[in-house]
Protein backbone atom coordinates (compact mmCIF):
# COMPACT_ATOMS: atom_id res chain seq x y z
CA PRO A 1 90.78 105.64 86.89
CA SER A 2 91.10 101.92 86.41
CA PRO A 3 93.85 100.17 88.37
CA PRO A 4 97.14 99.38 86.64
CA ALA A 5 97.23 96.16 84.64
CA MET A 6 99.16 93.40 86.38
CA ALA A 7 99.57 89.68 86.21
CA ALA A 8 97.24 87.81 88.51
CA PRO A 9 99.43 87.51 91.59
CA PRO A 10 99.71 84.42 93.72
CA SER A 11 98.68 85.08 97.30
CA CYS A 12 102.37 85.10 98.16
CA VAL A 13 105.48 83.95 96.36
CA GLY A 14 107.87 81.16 97.27
CA GLN A 15 107.72 78.11 99.46
CA ARG A 16 106.98 79.81 102.77
CA CYS A 17 103.35 80.68 102.19
CA ARG A 18 100.43 78.71 103.56
CA ALA A 19 97.80 81.35 102.77
CA ARG A 20 94.95 81.21 100.30
CA ARG A 21 94.01 84.20 98.21
CA GLU A 22 90.47 84.40 99.51
CA PRO A 23 90.02 84.90 103.25
CA ARG A 24 89.01 81.83 105.17
CA THR A 25 85.73 82.01 106.98
CA HIS A 26 85.59 80.97 110.59
CA GLY A 27 82.28 80.07 112.14
CA GLY A 28 81.11 80.47 115.72
CA VAL A 29 83.44 82.56 117.85
CA GLY A 30 85.08 84.32 114.91
CA GLN A 31 81.74 85.47 113.51
CA ARG A 32 80.62 86.69 116.94
CA VAL A 33 83.82 88.71 117.35
CA ALA A 34 83.47 90.21 113.87
CA GLY A 35 79.81 90.95 114.56
CA ALA A 36 80.69 92.79 117.76
CA MET A 37 83.29 94.90 115.95
CA GLN A 38 80.85 95.75 113.17
CA GLU A 39 78.24 96.76 115.77
CA LEU A 40 80.84 99.07 117.30
CA PHE A 41 81.48 100.74 113.94
CA ARG A 42 77.77 100.99 113.15
CA ALA A 43 77.43 103.24 116.21
CA ASN A 44 80.71 105.05 115.50
CA THR A 45 80.86 105.64 111.75
CA ARG A 46 81.53 109.36 111.80
CA SER A 47 84.69 110.91 110.37
CA ARG A 48 85.86 114.46 111.03
CA GLU A 49 88.60 116.44 109.37
CA PHE A 50 90.86 119.00 110.97
CA PRO A 51 93.00 121.68 109.26
CA ALA A 52 96.66 120.79 109.77
CA HIS A 53 98.93 122.04 106.97
CA GLY A 54 99.21 124.19 103.87
CA ALA A 55 99.97 121.16 101.67
CA LYS A 56 99.41 117.41 101.60
CA VAL A 57 99.99 115.37 104.75
CA HIS A 58 102.44 112.49 104.26
CA SER A 59 102.46 110.91 107.71
CA VAL A 60 100.37 110.71 110.90
CA ALA A 61 101.34 109.03 114.19
CA TRP A 62 100.01 108.85 117.76
CA SER A 63 102.12 109.33 120.87
CA CYS A 64 102.44 106.16 122.97
CA CYS A 65 99.76 107.36 125.44
CA GLY A 66 97.40 108.43 122.64
CA ARG A 67 97.03 111.96 123.98
CA ARG A 68 98.67 113.57 120.93
CA LEU A 69 98.66 113.07 117.18
CA ALA A 70 101.52 114.36 115.02
CA SER A 71 101.41 114.98 111.29
CA GLY A 72 104.18 115.66 108.77
CA SER A 73 103.64 117.51 105.53
CA PHE A 74 104.94 118.55 102.15
CA ASP A 75 104.77 122.12 103.56
CA LYS A 76 108.06 121.35 105.46
CA THR A 77 106.42 121.37 108.91
CA ALA A 78 105.06 118.99 111.52
CA SER A 79 101.89 119.68 113.49
CA VAL A 80 100.84 118.26 116.86
CA PHE A 81 97.24 117.96 118.02
CA LEU A 82 95.75 117.15 121.42
CA LEU A 83 92.93 114.60 121.39
CA GLU A 84 90.08 116.07 123.40
CA LYS A 85 87.11 113.74 123.64
CA ASP A 86 86.01 113.45 120.01
CA ARG A 87 88.10 116.11 118.35
CA LEU A 88 91.67 117.14 117.63
CA VAL A 89 92.81 120.52 118.91
CA LYS A 90 95.92 121.91 117.25
CA GLU A 91 98.62 122.48 119.86
CA ASN A 92 101.62 123.56 117.80
CA ASN A 93 103.24 123.73 114.41
CA TYR A 94 106.92 122.73 114.25
CA ARG A 95 109.08 124.61 111.72
CA GLY A 96 112.72 124.18 110.88
CA HIS A 97 113.02 121.66 108.07
CA GLY A 98 114.05 122.99 104.66
CA ASP A 99 112.15 120.38 102.68
CA SER A 100 109.14 118.07 102.88
CA VAL A 101 108.57 116.09 106.11
CA ASP A 102 108.07 112.62 104.63
CA GLN A 103 107.68 110.52 107.76
CA LEU A 104 107.61 110.91 111.52
CA CYS A 105 107.31 108.72 114.58
CA TRP A 106 107.12 109.07 118.36
CA HIS A 107 109.41 107.70 121.04
CA PRO A 108 107.99 104.26 121.95
CA SER A 109 107.60 105.05 125.68
CA ASN A 110 108.17 108.80 126.16
CA PRO A 111 104.99 110.62 125.06
CA ASP A 112 106.80 113.97 124.73
CA LEU A 113 109.35 113.19 122.02
CA PHE A 114 108.90 112.67 118.29
CA VAL A 115 111.28 112.61 115.34
CA THR A 116 110.84 113.80 111.76
CA ALA A 117 112.60 112.70 108.56
CA SER A 118 112.97 115.23 105.77
CA GLY A 119 114.23 115.63 102.24
CA ASP A 120 116.57 118.36 103.58
CA LYS A 121 119.09 115.64 104.60
CA THR A 122 118.38 115.99 108.33
CA ILE A 123 116.26 114.40 110.99
CA ARG A 124 114.97 116.49 113.88
CA ILE A 125 113.93 115.39 117.37
CA TRP A 126 111.24 117.56 118.95
CA ASP A 127 110.00 117.93 122.53
CA VAL A 128 106.34 118.91 122.92
CA ARG A 129 106.96 120.26 126.46
CA THR A 130 109.26 123.01 125.19
CA THR A 131 107.85 122.98 121.62
CA LYS A 132 111.46 123.12 120.44
CA CYS A 133 113.79 121.02 118.33
CA ILE A 134 116.21 119.38 120.78
CA ALA A 135 118.47 117.87 118.11
CA THR A 136 119.15 118.20 114.40
CA VAL A 137 121.12 115.30 112.95
CA ASN A 138 122.70 115.72 109.51
CA THR A 139 122.48 112.68 107.26
CA LYS A 140 123.94 111.84 103.85
CA GLY A 141 120.82 111.88 101.71
CA GLU A 142 117.20 112.90 101.31
CA ASN A 143 115.36 111.03 104.07
CA ILE A 144 112.11 109.23 103.31
CA ASN A 145 111.48 106.77 106.15
CA ILE A 146 112.16 106.63 109.87
CA CYS A 147 111.47 104.43 112.89
CA TRP A 148 112.35 104.41 116.59
CA SER A 149 113.54 101.17 118.18
CA PRO A 150 111.17 99.58 120.74
CA ASP A 151 113.75 100.12 123.52
CA GLY A 152 113.92 103.83 122.66
CA GLN A 153 117.71 103.83 122.25
CA THR A 154 118.07 104.05 118.46
CA ILE A 155 116.50 105.87 115.53
CA ALA A 156 116.84 104.34 112.06
CA VAL A 157 116.44 106.54 109.02
CA GLY A 158 116.43 105.55 105.35
CA ASN A 159 117.16 107.83 102.41
CA LYS A 160 116.50 107.93 98.66
CA ASP A 161 119.93 106.38 98.00
CA ASP A 162 118.96 103.23 99.96
CA VAL A 163 121.26 104.00 102.89
CA VAL A 164 119.91 103.26 106.38
CA THR A 165 121.60 105.13 109.24
CA PHE A 166 121.26 104.07 112.88
CA ILE A 167 121.41 107.05 115.23
CA ASP A 168 121.90 106.96 119.01
CA ALA A 169 118.79 108.65 120.43
CA LYS A 170 120.72 110.10 123.41
CA THR A 171 124.01 111.28 121.85
CA HIS A 172 122.44 111.96 118.41
CA ARG A 173 125.49 110.40 116.75
CA SER A 174 125.47 107.76 114.03
CA LYS A 175 126.13 104.24 115.40
CA ALA A 176 126.05 102.36 112.10
CA GLU A 177 125.28 102.82 108.44
CA GLU A 178 124.24 100.29 105.83
CA GLN A 179 124.18 100.79 102.06
CA PHE A 180 121.78 98.40 100.35
CA LYS A 181 121.92 97.22 96.75
CA PHE A 182 118.15 97.28 96.38
CA GLU A 183 115.39 99.87 96.70
CA VAL A 184 114.61 100.19 100.42
CA ASN A 185 110.99 101.09 101.16
CA GLU A 186 109.79 100.89 104.77
CA ILE A 187 111.96 99.87 107.73
CA SER A 188 111.06 98.51 111.17
CA TRP A 189 112.42 96.66 114.18
CA ASN A 190 110.51 93.66 115.45
CA ASN A 191 108.84 94.14 118.86
CA ASP A 192 111.68 92.27 120.62
CA ASN A 193 114.27 94.73 119.26
CA ASN A 194 116.58 91.92 118.08
CA MET A 195 115.78 91.96 114.35
CA PHE A 196 115.53 94.71 111.76
CA PHE A 197 113.19 94.40 108.78
CA LEU A 198 113.25 96.17 105.41
CA THR A 199 110.76 95.94 102.56
CA ASN A 200 112.30 96.29 99.11
CA GLY A 201 111.61 97.05 95.47
CA ASN A 202 112.01 93.42 94.43
CA GLY A 203 109.05 92.28 96.55
CA CYS A 204 111.26 90.90 99.32
CA ILE A 205 111.39 91.33 103.08
CA ASN A 206 115.01 91.49 104.24
CA ILE A 207 115.69 90.58 107.85
CA LEU A 208 118.88 91.54 109.68
CA SER A 209 120.01 90.62 113.18
CA TYR A 210 120.18 93.58 115.57
CA PRO A 211 122.47 95.16 116.68
CA GLU A 212 124.91 93.08 114.56
CA LEU A 213 123.08 93.94 111.28
CA LYS A 214 123.97 90.56 109.79
CA PRO A 215 121.57 89.17 107.15
CA ILE A 216 119.31 86.46 108.62
CA GLN A 217 116.86 85.89 105.80
CA SER A 218 115.33 87.31 102.66
CA ILE A 219 111.69 86.37 102.07
CA ASN A 220 110.11 86.53 98.62
CA ALA A 221 106.92 88.09 99.90
CA HIS A 222 105.28 89.56 96.78
CA PRO A 223 105.71 89.37 92.99
CA SER A 224 106.18 93.16 92.84
CA ASN A 225 107.48 96.07 94.92
CA CYS A 226 106.95 95.48 98.68
CA ILE A 227 106.05 98.93 99.99
CA CYS A 228 105.13 98.96 103.69
CA ILE A 229 105.48 96.87 106.86
CA LYS A 230 103.90 97.03 110.32
CA PHE A 231 104.16 94.83 113.43
CA ASP A 232 101.11 94.06 115.50
CA PRO A 233 101.28 95.32 119.12
CA MET A 234 100.74 91.78 120.46
CA GLY A 235 103.89 90.50 118.75
CA LYS A 236 102.10 87.70 116.92
CA TYR A 237 102.07 89.00 113.34
CA PHE A 238 103.49 91.53 110.96
CA ALA A 239 101.85 92.73 107.77
CA THR A 240 103.27 93.89 104.46
CA GLY A 241 101.62 95.86 101.67
CA SER A 242 102.67 95.66 98.06
CA ALA A 243 102.34 97.15 94.59
CA ASP A 244 100.33 94.02 93.65
CA ALA A 245 97.51 95.52 95.80
CA LEU A 246 97.78 92.67 98.31
CA VAL A 247 98.29 92.85 102.05
CA SER A 248 99.95 89.76 103.47
CA LEU A 249 99.94 88.73 107.13
CA TRP A 250 102.98 86.91 108.50
CA ASP A 251 103.60 84.80 111.58
CA VAL A 252 106.45 86.50 113.46
CA ASP A 253 107.96 83.30 114.84
CA GLU A 254 107.63 81.02 111.84
CA LEU A 255 108.13 83.72 109.17
CA VAL A 256 105.36 82.22 107.05
CA CYS A 257 102.47 84.01 105.39
CA VAL A 258 99.23 82.97 107.06
CA ARG A 259 96.70 85.13 105.23
CA CYS A 260 96.23 87.59 102.39
CA PHE A 261 93.80 90.48 102.09
CA SER A 262 92.82 91.30 98.51
CA ARG A 263 90.08 93.95 98.58
CA LEU A 264 92.22 96.86 97.36
CA ASP A 265 92.89 97.39 93.64
CA TRP A 266 95.85 99.76 93.87
CA PRO A 267 99.35 99.49 95.43
CA VAL A 268 99.11 99.35 99.23
CA ARG A 269 100.76 102.47 100.65
CA THR A 270 100.05 102.31 104.35
CA LEU A 271 99.07 99.85 107.12
CA SER A 272 98.16 100.01 110.80
CA PHE A 273 97.17 97.42 113.43
CA SER A 274 94.67 98.34 116.13
CA HIS A 275 95.87 98.52 119.75
CA ASP A 276 94.59 95.00 120.52
CA GLY A 277 95.98 93.50 117.30
CA LYS A 278 92.50 92.43 116.16
CA MET A 279 92.04 94.86 113.26
CA LEU A 280 94.24 95.85 110.33
CA ALA A 281 93.65 99.03 108.33
CA SER A 282 95.15 99.24 104.83
CA ALA A 283 94.93 101.97 102.24
CA SER A 284 96.00 102.92 98.73
CA GLU A 285 94.78 105.06 95.84
CA ASP A 286 91.42 103.31 96.23
CA HIS A 287 88.84 105.71 97.59
CA PHE A 288 88.30 103.69 100.76
CA ILE A 289 90.33 102.36 103.68
CA ASP A 290 89.87 98.64 104.26
CA ILE A 291 89.45 97.53 107.88
CA ALA A 292 89.92 93.77 108.20
CA GLU A 293 89.62 91.32 111.05
CA VAL A 294 93.15 89.97 111.45
CA GLU A 295 92.26 86.40 112.44
CA THR A 296 89.83 85.73 109.57
CA GLY A 297 90.69 88.27 106.89
CA GLU A 298 87.03 89.28 106.75
CA LYS A 299 86.02 92.86 105.99
CA LEU A 300 84.81 94.67 109.09
CA TRP A 301 84.33 98.10 107.58
CA GLU A 302 85.20 100.44 104.72
CA VAL A 303 86.06 104.05 105.47
CA GLN A 304 85.03 106.07 102.43
CA CYS A 305 87.52 108.66 101.11
CA GLU A 306 87.29 111.18 98.29
CA SER A 307 90.90 110.74 97.21
CA PRO A 308 93.96 108.46 97.63
CA THR A 309 95.12 107.84 101.21
CA PHE A 310 98.74 108.50 102.18
CA THR A 311 98.83 107.36 105.80
CA VAL A 312 96.74 105.57 108.46
CA ALA A 313 97.31 105.12 112.21
CA TRP A 314 95.12 103.45 114.85
CA HIS A 315 94.99 105.09 118.27
CA PRO A 316 97.09 103.11 120.82
CA LYS A 317 94.16 102.58 123.23
CA ARG A 318 90.83 102.86 121.40
CA PRO A 319 89.25 102.06 118.01
CA LEU A 320 89.92 105.49 116.52
CA LEU A 321 91.72 105.75 113.16
CA ALA A 322 93.70 108.82 112.09
CA PHE A 323 94.39 109.19 108.39
CA ALA A 324 95.28 111.70 105.69
CA CYS A 325 94.36 111.80 102.02
CA ASP A 326 95.35 113.67 98.89
CA ASP A 327 92.43 116.04 99.33
CA LYS A 328 92.03 119.23 97.35
CA ASP A 329 90.50 122.44 98.66
CA GLY A 330 87.80 122.57 96.02
CA LYS A 331 86.04 125.76 97.11
CA TYR A 332 88.30 128.14 95.20
CA ASP A 333 91.00 126.13 93.47
CA SER A 334 90.70 122.42 92.66
CA SER A 335 94.49 122.03 92.51
CA ARG A 336 95.16 123.48 95.97
CA GLU A 337 95.99 120.81 98.54
CA ALA A 338 93.77 120.79 101.63
CA GLY A 339 96.39 119.54 104.16
CA THR A 340 93.86 118.06 106.57
CA VAL A 341 94.08 115.15 109.00
CA LYS A 342 91.02 113.01 109.68
CA LEU A 343 89.61 110.84 112.43
CA PHE A 344 87.32 107.86 111.85
CA GLY A 345 85.43 105.99 114.58
CA LEU A 346 83.68 108.92 116.24
CA PRO A 347 80.21 108.38 117.77
CA ASN A 348 77.36 109.03 115.36
CA ASP A 349 75.59 111.18 117.94
CA SER A 350 78.55 113.42 118.82
């Protein structure tokens, strides 16, 4: 299908942008770095898929050590895999939610704990050592996004009614609750844990102080719905993806847009920075995942997909990308969802 019609967007809106729509080319060192990354992918272009769920996979995330990958699905469960050399081995399936698991994330420094957000109006914290749910926290609405603070002390969860609840990760009690007057999409703390960011339906990035939750700034980032946000592990940049099919890269300290990536044609659903902050993966309903060099905006690689991509996540220590698409199990029934998770970046000779 052809992409939706839209006005030609500026690279970013407002006064705070110093980016140009087309990526700038950097000679010398930049080209050598990009060349080295492309060489790496040329030798490691293989993708593999692994059965995970009975329905589509909404979210994938790596534990902080990279030993495990978790996935959340429309089938109301989460799955956890062990990474063994060049393959994922399913360790457990986690049941208990009464509705779709829309998003999940791991504790930032404890590799055994992860949390799931569900449409059943609960979040659940799971421990992979006991394979049990150690806490179920009731919330006021159908939950669609979740994140764990960098210091590990707080879990923030957003629901379909644009309420964000801040939950104490130890006592499992609500510490604060904020009702917003706009459509809240993705939520995230900055790496320093002192600001809280929300992307919204008006194309803005809203920034609150943390823990005070006082508005600091609202940035007009995109001319249409701002969908996703991710911070780079180095603390230098964050990236946003929008319904205008653009990815914009922002300087964390100056809060200005430094670069835009414009190779996708459809709304950007999901983003992930590599462990060293040098690569940014972005995906949409386009049948490829774009892998860009952060410092130049240049294309490093395209990961081909047969269907729209819901979620991408770089491994925290190596250039290995987990992702999940809207794949169908075409052997018997073209409408049946495949529920697989995939890995890209495996050696060609493995």
